[in-house]
Amino acid sequence: MISDGQARRIASDWHGGMSSALYSLASSGAIDLDHARDEISRELQSLDVGEVRRELLALDKYVRTAGERTAVAEWFRLWDDSPVSVNHT
């Protein structure tokens, strides 16, 4: 699974503005599970296979695993530019 820093980076790349669930995740770590998954799903529908799609699928898994939550302390310190790896196990 991706790290908190990777989740923050990916959400910041794909958010749809200040009122979006992915913006909330990117800026504070808060997760509105249903809205975040809806936003990710909309983006995935417009993409073919590839690195970007892999990142969005990893972000979807991250939000499903983390679940609904409020803002995370010190979230602004987290950032991870490393690529999303595929675990085939």
PDB file of N, CA and C in Angstrom:
ATOM      1  N   MET A   1       0.847  -1.184   0.000  1.00  0.00           N
ATOM      2  CA  MET A   1       0.000   0.000   0.000  1.00  0.00           C
ATOM      3  C   MET A   1       0.892   1.248   0.000  1.00  0.00           C
ATOM      4  N   ILE A   2       0.355   2.316  -0.538  1.00  0.00           N
ATOM      5  CA  ILE A   2       1.120   3.563  -0.611  1.00  0.00           C
ATOM      6  C   ILE A   2       1.229   4.203   0.775  1.00  0.00           C
ATOM      7  N   SER A   3       2.219   5.071   0.896  1.00  0.00           N
ATOM      8  CA  SER A   3       2.440   5.793   2.148  1.00  0.00           C
ATOM      9  C   SER A   3       1.500   6.992   2.244  1.00  0.00           C
ATOM     10  N   ASP A   4       1.413   7.564   3.434  1.00  0.00           N
ATOM     11  CA  ASP A   4       0.628   8.785   3.612  1.00  0.00           C
ATOM     12  C   ASP A   4       1.145   9.890   2.690  1.00  0.00           C
ATOM     13  N   GLY A   5       2.467   9.996   2.571  1.00  0.00           N
ATOM     14  CA  GLY A   5       3.056  11.020   1.718  1.00  0.00           C
ATOM     15  C   GLY A   5       2.719  10.826   0.247  1.00  0.00           C
ATOM     16  N   GLN A   6       2.695   9.580  -0.214  1.00  0.00           N
ATOM     17  CA  GLN A   6       2.302   9.309  -1.594  1.00  0.00           C
ATOM     18  C   GLN A   6       0.821   9.632  -1.789  1.00  0.00           C
ATOM     19  N   ALA A   7      -0.010   9.271  -0.825  1.00  0.00           N
ATOM     20  CA  ALA A   7      -1.445   9.578  -0.913  1.00  0.00           C
ATOM     21  C   ALA A   7      -1.653  11.081  -1.012  1.00  0.00           C
ATOM     22  N   ARG A   8      -0.931  11.836  -0.208  1.00  0.00           N
ATOM     23  CA  ARG A   8      -1.059  13.295  -0.244  1.00  0.00           C
ATOM     24  C   ARG A   8      -0.654  13.840  -1.612  1.00  0.00           C
ATOM     25  N   ARG A   9       0.467  13.353  -2.142  1.00  0.00           N
ATOM     26  CA  ARG A   9       0.945  13.818  -3.447  1.00  0.00           C
ATOM     27  C   ARG A   9      -0.043  13.481  -4.556  1.00  0.00           C
ATOM     28  N   ILE A  10      -0.534  12.257  -4.594  1.00  0.00           N
ATOM     29  CA  ILE A  10      -1.459  11.841  -5.648  1.00  0.00           C
ATOM     30  C   ILE A  10      -2.768  12.628  -5.550  1.00  0.00           C
ATOM     31  N   ALA A  11      -3.287  12.771  -4.343  1.00  0.00           N
ATOM     32  CA  ALA A  11      -4.531  13.541  -4.160  1.00  0.00           C
ATOM     33  C   ALA A  11      -4.337  14.981  -4.607  1.00  0.00           C
ATOM     34  N   SER A  12      -3.157  15.545  -4.353  1.00  0.00           N
ATOM     35  CA  SER A  12      -2.922  16.937  -4.763  1.00  0.00           C
ATOM     36  C   SER A  12      -2.845  17.063  -6.287  1.00  0.00           C
ATOM     37  N   ASP A  13      -2.391  16.011  -6.954  1.00  0.00           N
ATOM     38  CA  ASP A  13      -2.327  16.019  -8.420  1.00  0.00           C
ATOM     39  C   ASP A  13      -3.703  15.919  -9.064  1.00  0.00           C
ATOM     40  N   TRP A  14      -4.670  15.307  -8.366  1.00  0.00           N
ATOM     41  CA  TRP A  14      -5.940  14.972  -8.989  1.00  0.00           C
ATOM     42  C   TRP A  14      -7.150  15.686  -8.406  1.00  0.00           C
ATOM     43  N   HIS A  15      -6.972  16.511  -7.406  1.00  0.00           N
ATOM     44  CA  HIS A  15      -8.156  17.141  -6.810  1.00  0.00           C
ATOM     45  C   HIS A  15      -8.834  18.085  -7.793  1.00  0.00           C
ATOM     46  N   GLY A  16     -10.121  18.286  -7.573  1.00  0.00           N
ATOM     47  CA  GLY A  16     -10.918  19.114  -8.469  1.00  0.00           C
ATOM     48  C   GLY A  16     -11.227  20.486  -7.909  1.00  0.00           C
ATOM     49  N   GLY A  17     -10.383  21.003  -7.058  1.00  0.00           N
ATOM     50  CA  GLY A  17     -10.610  22.319  -6.474  1.00  0.00           C
ATOM     51  C   GLY A  17     -10.833  22.244  -4.983  1.00  0.00           C
ATOM     52  N   MET A  18     -10.932  23.415  -4.374  1.00  0.00           N
ATOM     53  CA  MET A  18     -10.974  23.502  -2.912  1.00  0.00           C
ATOM     54  C   MET A  18     -12.177  22.815  -2.268  1.00  0.00           C
ATOM     55  N   SER A  19     -13.222  22.571  -3.006  1.00  0.00           N
ATOM     56  CA  SER A  19     -14.397  21.926  -2.414  1.00  0.00           C
ATOM     57  C   SER A  19     -14.403  20.413  -2.638  1.00  0.00           C
ATOM     58  N   SER A  20     -13.360  19.875  -3.246  1.00  0.00           N
ATOM     59  CA  SER A  20     -13.341  18.443  -3.545  1.00  0.00           C
ATOM     60  C   SER A  20     -12.808  17.621  -2.377  1.00  0.00           C
ATOM     61  N   ALA A  21     -13.208  16.360  -2.349  1.00  0.00           N
ATOM     62  CA  ALA A  21     -12.754  15.444  -1.298  1.00  0.00           C
ATOM     63  C   ALA A  21     -11.257  15.157  -1.421  1.00  0.00           C
ATOM     64  N   LEU A  22     -10.745  15.111  -2.646  1.00  0.00           N
ATOM     65  CA  LEU A  22      -9.315  14.878  -2.814  1.00  0.00           C
ATOM     66  C   LEU A  22      -8.496  16.092  -2.373  1.00  0.00           C
ATOM     67  N   TYR A  23      -9.037  17.286  -2.512  1.00  0.00           N
ATOM     68  CA  TYR A  23      -8.358  18.473  -1.992  1.00  0.00           C
ATOM     69  C   TYR A  23      -8.270  18.379  -0.471  1.00  0.00           C
ATOM     70  N   SER A  24      -9.347  17.971   0.148  1.00  0.00           N
ATOM     71  CA  SER A  24      -9.366  17.813   1.601  1.00  0.00           C
ATOM     72  C   SER A  24      -8.319  16.796   2.044  1.00  0.00           C
ATOM     73  N   LEU A  25      -8.235  15.681   1.329  1.00  0.00           N
ATOM     74  CA  LEU A  25      -7.218  14.681   1.645  1.00  0.00           C
ATOM     75  C   LEU A  25      -5.823  15.255   1.460  1.00  0.00           C
ATOM     76  N   ALA A  26      -5.593  15.930   0.343  1.00  0.00           N
ATOM     77  CA  ALA A  26      -4.267  16.486   0.064  1.00  0.00           C
ATOM     78  C   ALA A  26      -3.857  17.540   1.083  1.00  0.00           C
ATOM     79  N   SER A  27      -4.790  18.354   1.508  1.00  0.00           N
ATOM     80  CA  SER A  27      -4.432  19.482   2.372  1.00  0.00           C
ATOM     81  C   SER A  27      -4.431  19.146   3.856  1.00  0.00           C
ATOM     82  N   SER A  28      -5.284  18.201   4.283  1.00  0.00           N
ATOM     83  CA  SER A  28      -5.392  17.959   5.725  1.00  0.00           C
ATOM     84  C   SER A  28      -5.325  16.495   6.135  1.00  0.00           C
ATOM     85  N   GLY A  29      -5.435  15.594   5.178  1.00  0.00           N
ATOM     86  CA  GLY A  29      -5.457  14.171   5.496  1.00  0.00           C
ATOM     87  C   GLY A  29      -6.847  13.645   5.797  1.00  0.00           C
ATOM     88  N   ALA A  30      -7.838  14.547   5.838  1.00  0.00           N
ATOM     89  CA  ALA A  30      -9.209  14.126   6.103  1.00  0.00           C
ATOM     90  C   ALA A  30      -9.742  13.325   4.913  1.00  0.00           C
ATOM     91  N   ILE A  31     -10.523  12.294   5.207  1.00  0.00           N
ATOM     92  CA  ILE A  31     -11.089  11.460   4.149  1.00  0.00           C
ATOM     93  C   ILE A  31     -12.605  11.410   4.281  1.00  0.00           C
ATOM     94  N   ASP A  32     -13.261  11.888   3.233  1.00  0.00           N
ATOM     95  CA  ASP A  32     -14.701  11.703   3.053  1.00  0.00           C
ATOM     96  C   ASP A  32     -14.787  10.532   2.085  1.00  0.00           C
ATOM     97  N   LEU A  33     -14.947   9.342   2.628  1.00  0.00           N
ATOM     98  CA  LEU A  33     -14.757   8.113   1.875  1.00  0.00           C
ATOM     99  C   LEU A  33     -15.591   8.048   0.600  1.00  0.00           C
ATOM    100  N   ASP A  34     -16.882   8.259   0.696  1.00  0.00           N
ATOM    101  CA  ASP A  34     -17.746   8.138  -0.493  1.00  0.00           C
ATOM    102  C   ASP A  34     -17.391   9.155  -1.562  1.00  0.00           C
ATOM    103  N   HIS A  35     -17.190  10.406  -1.160  1.00  0.00           N
ATOM    104  CA  HIS A  35     -16.879  11.444  -2.146  1.00  0.00           C
ATOM    105  C   HIS A  35     -15.490  11.248  -2.757  1.00  0.00           C
ATOM    106  N   ALA A  36     -14.514  10.847  -1.950  1.00  0.00           N
ATOM    107  CA  ALA A  36     -13.166  10.612  -2.475  1.00  0.00           C
ATOM    108  C   ALA A  36     -13.183   9.479  -3.498  1.00  0.00           C
ATOM    109  N   ARG A  37     -13.892   8.400  -3.172  1.00  0.00           N
ATOM    110  CA  ARG A  37     -13.961   7.269  -4.095  1.00  0.00           C
ATOM    111  C   ARG A  37     -14.704   7.647  -5.371  1.00  0.00           C
ATOM    112  N   ASP A  38     -15.734   8.477  -5.271  1.00  0.00           N
ATOM    113  CA  ASP A  38     -16.445   8.946  -6.464  1.00  0.00           C
ATOM    114  C   ASP A  38     -15.522   9.754  -7.367  1.00  0.00           C
ATOM    115  N   GLU A  39     -14.739  10.644  -6.777  1.00  0.00           N
ATOM    116  CA  GLU A  39     -13.810  11.466  -7.563  1.00  0.00           C
ATOM    117  C   GLU A  39     -12.756  10.597  -8.248  1.00  0.00           C
ATOM    118  N   ILE A  40     -12.215   9.650  -7.515  1.00  0.00           N
ATOM    119  CA  ILE A  40     -11.208   8.754  -8.086  1.00  0.00           C
ATOM    120  C   ILE A  40     -11.822   7.951  -9.230  1.00  0.00           C
ATOM    121  N   SER A  41     -13.008   7.435  -9.020  1.00  0.00           N
ATOM    122  CA  SER A  41     -13.692   6.643 -10.038  1.00  0.00           C
ATOM    123  C   SER A  41     -13.917   7.444 -11.315  1.00  0.00           C
ATOM    124  N   ARG A  42     -14.337   8.690 -11.186  1.00  0.00           N
ATOM    125  CA  ARG A  42     -14.542   9.549 -12.363  1.00  0.00           C
ATOM    126  C   ARG A  42     -13.244   9.731 -13.143  1.00  0.00           C
ATOM    127  N   GLU A  43     -12.150   9.942 -12.440  1.00  0.00           N
ATOM    128  CA  GLU A  43     -10.859  10.110 -13.115  1.00  0.00           C
ATOM    129  C   GLU A  43     -10.423   8.814 -13.792  1.00  0.00           C
ATOM    130  N   LEU A  44     -10.610   7.689 -13.126  1.00  0.00           N
ATOM    131  CA  LEU A  44     -10.199   6.407 -13.686  1.00  0.00           C
ATOM    132  C   LEU A  44     -10.935   6.079 -14.974  1.00  0.00           C
ATOM    133  N   GLN A  45     -12.181   6.476 -15.071  1.00  0.00           N
ATOM    134  CA  GLN A  45     -12.976   6.182 -16.265  1.00  0.00           C
ATOM    135  C   GLN A  45     -12.407   6.837 -17.520  1.00  0.00           C
ATOM    136  N   SER A  46     -11.655   7.896 -17.342  1.00  0.00           N
ATOM    137  CA  SER A  46     -11.130   8.615 -18.506  1.00  0.00           C
ATOM    138  C   SER A  46      -9.703   8.210 -18.871  1.00  0.00           C
ATOM    139  N   LEU A  47      -9.139   7.231 -18.157  1.00  0.00           N
ATOM    140  CA  LEU A  47      -7.739   6.870 -18.376  1.00  0.00           C
ATOM    141  C   LEU A  47      -7.586   5.459 -18.926  1.00  0.00           C
ATOM    142  N   ASP A  48      -6.523   5.262 -19.695  1.00  0.00           N
ATOM    143  CA  ASP A  48      -6.131   3.926 -20.132  1.00  0.00           C
ATOM    144  C   ASP A  48      -5.166   3.341 -19.103  1.00  0.00           C
ATOM    145  N   VAL A  49      -4.695   2.176 -19.366  1.00  0.00           N
ATOM    146  CA  VAL A  49      -3.723   1.521 -18.494  1.00  0.00           C
ATOM    147  C   VAL A  49      -2.455   2.367 -18.446  1.00  0.00           C
ATOM    148  N   GLY A  50      -1.771   2.368 -17.317  1.00  0.00           N
ATOM    149  CA  GLY A  50      -0.505   3.085 -17.225  1.00  0.00           C
ATOM    150  C   GLY A  50      -0.197   3.525 -15.817  1.00  0.00           C
ATOM    151  N   GLU A  51       0.908   4.237 -15.702  1.00  0.00           N
ATOM    152  CA  GLU A  51       1.419   4.681 -14.408  1.00  0.00           C
ATOM    153  C   GLU A  51       0.410   5.540 -13.655  1.00  0.00           C
ATOM    154  N   VAL A  52      -0.216   6.482 -14.336  1.00  0.00           N
ATOM    155  CA  VAL A  52      -1.171   7.380 -13.689  1.00  0.00           C
ATOM    156  C   VAL A  52      -2.358   6.583 -13.155  1.00  0.00           C
ATOM    157  N   ARG A  53      -2.855   5.654 -13.951  1.00  0.00           N
ATOM    158  CA  ARG A  53      -3.966   4.807 -13.519  1.00  0.00           C
ATOM    159  C   ARG A  53      -3.559   3.997 -12.287  1.00  0.00           C
ATOM    160  N   ARG A  54      -2.349   3.478 -12.287  1.00  0.00           N
ATOM    161  CA  ARG A  54      -1.845   2.716 -11.144  1.00  0.00           C
ATOM    162  C   ARG A  54      -1.868   3.571  -9.881  1.00  0.00           C
ATOM    163  N   GLU A  55      -1.467   4.825 -10.014  1.00  0.00           N
ATOM    164  CA  GLU A  55      -1.462   5.708  -8.847  1.00  0.00           C
ATOM    165  C   GLU A  55      -2.877   5.942  -8.325  1.00  0.00           C
ATOM    166  N   LEU A  56      -3.820   6.173  -9.222  1.00  0.00           N
ATOM    167  CA  LEU A  56      -5.202   6.398  -8.781  1.00  0.00           C
ATOM    168  C   LEU A  56      -5.796   5.138  -8.150  1.00  0.00           C
ATOM    169  N   LEU A  57      -5.488   3.971  -8.694  1.00  0.00           N
ATOM    170  CA  LEU A  57      -5.959   2.724  -8.090  1.00  0.00           C
ATOM    171  C   LEU A  57      -5.352   2.537  -6.699  1.00  0.00           C
ATOM    172  N   ALA A  58      -4.078   2.891  -6.561  1.00  0.00           N
ATOM    173  CA  ALA A  58      -3.425   2.807  -5.251  1.00  0.00           C
ATOM    174  C   ALA A  58      -4.049   3.794  -4.267  1.00  0.00           C
ATOM    175  N   LEU A  59      -4.407   4.985  -4.753  1.00  0.00           N
ATOM    176  CA  LEU A  59      -5.062   5.967  -3.885  1.00  0.00           C
ATOM    177  C   LEU A  59      -6.439   5.466  -3.459  1.00  0.00           C
ATOM    178  N   ASP A  60      -7.156   4.817  -4.366  1.00  0.00           N
ATOM    179  CA  ASP A  60      -8.457   4.254  -4.015  1.00  0.00           C
ATOM    180  C   ASP A  60      -8.301   3.203  -2.917  1.00  0.00           C
ATOM    181  N   LYS A  61      -7.319   2.346  -3.048  1.00  0.00           N
ATOM    182  CA  LYS A  61      -7.070   1.329  -2.012  1.00  0.00           C
ATOM    183  C   LYS A  61      -6.708   2.004  -0.690  1.00  0.00           C
ATOM    184  N   TYR A  62      -5.912   3.051  -0.756  1.00  0.00           N
ATOM    185  CA  TYR A  62      -5.509   3.783   0.447  1.00  0.00           C
ATOM    186  C   TYR A  62      -6.730   4.338   1.183  1.00  0.00           C
ATOM    187  N   VAL A  63      -7.624   5.011   0.462  1.00  0.00           N
ATOM    188  CA  VAL A  63      -8.778   5.617   1.134  1.00  0.00           C
ATOM    189  C   VAL A  63      -9.736   4.547   1.655  1.00  0.00           C
ATOM    190  N   ARG A  64      -9.879   3.431   0.933  1.00  0.00           N
ATOM    191  CA  ARG A  64     -10.730   2.333   1.427  1.00  0.00           C
ATOM    192  C   ARG A  64     -10.159   1.742   2.709  1.00  0.00           C
ATOM    193  N   THR A  65      -8.840   1.590   2.761  1.00  0.00           N
ATOM    194  CA  THR A  65      -8.187   1.003   3.927  1.00  0.00           C
ATOM    195  C   THR A  65      -8.191   1.972   5.107  1.00  0.00           C
ATOM    196  N   ALA A  66      -7.892   3.238   4.844  1.00  0.00           N
ATOM    197  CA  ALA A  66      -7.857   4.246   5.919  1.00  0.00           C
ATOM    198  C   ALA A  66      -9.255   4.532   6.441  1.00  0.00           C
ATOM    199  N   GLY A  67     -10.232   4.544   5.541  1.00  0.00           N
ATOM    200  CA  GLY A  67     -11.616   4.819   5.934  1.00  0.00           C
ATOM    201  C   GLY A  67     -11.865   6.289   6.221  1.00  0.00           C
ATOM    202  N   GLU A  68     -13.071   6.549   6.618  1.00  0.00           N
ATOM    203  CA  GLU A  68     -13.507   7.911   6.941  1.00  0.00           C
ATOM    204  C   GLU A  68     -12.672   8.441   8.100  1.00  0.00           C
ATOM    205  N   ARG A  69     -12.157   9.669   7.964  1.00  0.00           N
ATOM    206  CA  ARG A  69     -11.400  10.247   9.082  1.00  0.00           C
ATOM    207  C   ARG A  69     -11.353  11.771   8.974  1.00  0.00           C
ATOM    208  N   THR A  70     -11.066  12.390  10.106  1.00  0.00           N
ATOM    209  CA  THR A  70     -10.908  13.840  10.160  1.00  0.00           C
ATOM    210  C   THR A  70      -9.448  14.200   9.873  1.00  0.00           C
ATOM    211  N   ALA A  71      -9.149  15.479   9.956  1.00  0.00           N
ATOM    212  CA  ALA A  71      -7.801  15.977   9.667  1.00  0.00           C
ATOM    213  C   ALA A  71      -6.751  15.263  10.518  1.00  0.00           C
ATOM    214  N   VAL A  72      -5.574  15.094   9.936  1.00  0.00           N
ATOM    215  CA  VAL A  72      -4.453  14.407  10.572  1.00  0.00           C
ATOM    216  C   VAL A  72      -3.413  15.450  10.982  1.00  0.00           C
ATOM    217  N   ALA A  73      -3.001  15.420  12.245  1.00  0.00           N
ATOM    218  CA  ALA A  73      -1.985  16.356  12.740  1.00  0.00           C
ATOM    219  C   ALA A  73      -0.681  16.191  11.962  1.00  0.00           C
ATOM    220  N   GLU A  74      -0.057  17.305  11.643  1.00  0.00           N
ATOM    221  CA  GLU A  74       1.241  17.342  10.950  1.00  0.00           C
ATOM    222  C   GLU A  74       1.178  16.788   9.523  1.00  0.00           C
ATOM    223  N   TRP A  75      -0.011  16.671   8.963  1.00  0.00           N
ATOM    224  CA  TRP A  75      -0.173  16.139   7.612  1.00  0.00           C
ATOM    225  C   TRP A  75       0.620  16.952   6.596  1.00  0.00           C
ATOM    226  N   PHE A  76       0.698  18.250   6.808  1.00  0.00           N
ATOM    227  CA  PHE A  76       1.392  19.131   5.860  1.00  0.00           C
ATOM    228  C   PHE A  76       2.863  18.772   5.712  1.00  0.00           C
ATOM    229  N   ARG A  77       3.416  18.037   6.633  1.00  0.00           N
ATOM    230  CA  ARG A  77       4.834  17.654   6.567  1.00  0.00           C
ATOM    231  C   ARG A  77       5.077  16.449   5.661  1.00  0.00           C
ATOM    232  N   LEU A  78       4.018  15.743   5.296  1.00  0.00           N
ATOM    233  CA  LEU A  78       4.161  14.495   4.543  1.00  0.00           C
ATOM    234  C   LEU A  78       4.157  14.750   3.048  1.00  0.00           C
ATOM    235  N   TRP A  79       5.126  14.190   2.357  1.00  0.00           N
ATOM    236  CA  TRP A  79       5.189  14.252   0.902  1.00  0.00           C
ATOM    237  C   TRP A  79       6.131  13.156   0.440  1.00  0.00           C
ATOM    238  N   ASP A  80       5.745  12.402  -0.547  1.00  0.00           N
ATOM    239  CA  ASP A  80       6.573  11.301  -1.037  1.00  0.00           C
ATOM    240  C   ASP A  80       6.453  11.252  -2.552  1.00  0.00           C
ATOM    241  N   ASP A  81       7.547  11.579  -3.229  1.00  0.00           N
ATOM    242  CA  ASP A  81       7.567  11.587  -4.690  1.00  0.00           C
ATOM    243  C   ASP A  81       7.918  10.231  -5.299  1.00  0.00           C
ATOM    244  N   SER A  82       8.147   9.222  -4.467  1.00  0.00           N
ATOM    245  CA  SER A  82       8.539   7.926  -5.023  1.00  0.00           C
ATOM    246  C   SER A  82       7.391   7.315  -5.825  1.00  0.00           C
ATOM    247  N   PRO A  83       7.735   6.564  -6.868  1.00  0.00           N
ATOM    248  CA  PRO A  83       6.686   5.973  -7.706  1.00  0.00           C
ATOM    249  C   PRO A  83       5.918   4.893  -6.945  1.00  0.00           C
ATOM    250  N   VAL A  84       4.704   4.675  -7.376  1.00  0.00           N
ATOM    251  CA  VAL A  84       3.863   3.629  -6.802  1.00  0.00           C
ATOM    252  C   VAL A  84       4.325   2.294  -7.373  1.00  0.00           C
ATOM    253  N   SER A  85       4.638   1.376  -6.502  1.00  0.00           N
ATOM    254  CA  SER A  85       5.075   0.060  -6.968  1.00  0.00           C
ATOM    255  C   SER A  85       3.894  -0.900  -6.980  1.00  0.00           C
ATOM    256  N   VAL A  86       4.030  -1.943  -7.770  1.00  0.00           N
ATOM    257  CA  VAL A  86       2.983  -2.953  -7.872  1.00  0.00           C
ATOM    258  C   VAL A  86       3.411  -4.161  -7.060  1.00  0.00           C
ATOM    259  N   ASN A  87       2.548  -4.578  -6.148  1.00  0.00           N
ATOM    260  CA  ASN A  87       2.816  -5.750  -5.343  1.00  0.00           C
ATOM    261  C   ASN A  87       2.022  -6.906  -5.942  1.00  0.00           C
ATOM    262  N   HIS A  88       2.712  -7.890  -6.459  1.00  0.00           N
ATOM    263  CA  HIS A  88       2.045  -9.015  -7.119  1.00  0.00           C
ATOM    264  C   HIS A  88       1.807 -10.196  -6.186  1.00  0.00           C
ATOM    265  N   THR A  89       1.919  -9.979  -4.889  1.00  0.00           N
ATOM    266  CA  THR A  89       1.708 -11.088  -3.947  1.00  0.00           C
ATOM    267  C   THR A  89       0.302 -11.089  -3.417  1.00  0.00           C
TER     268      THR A  89
END
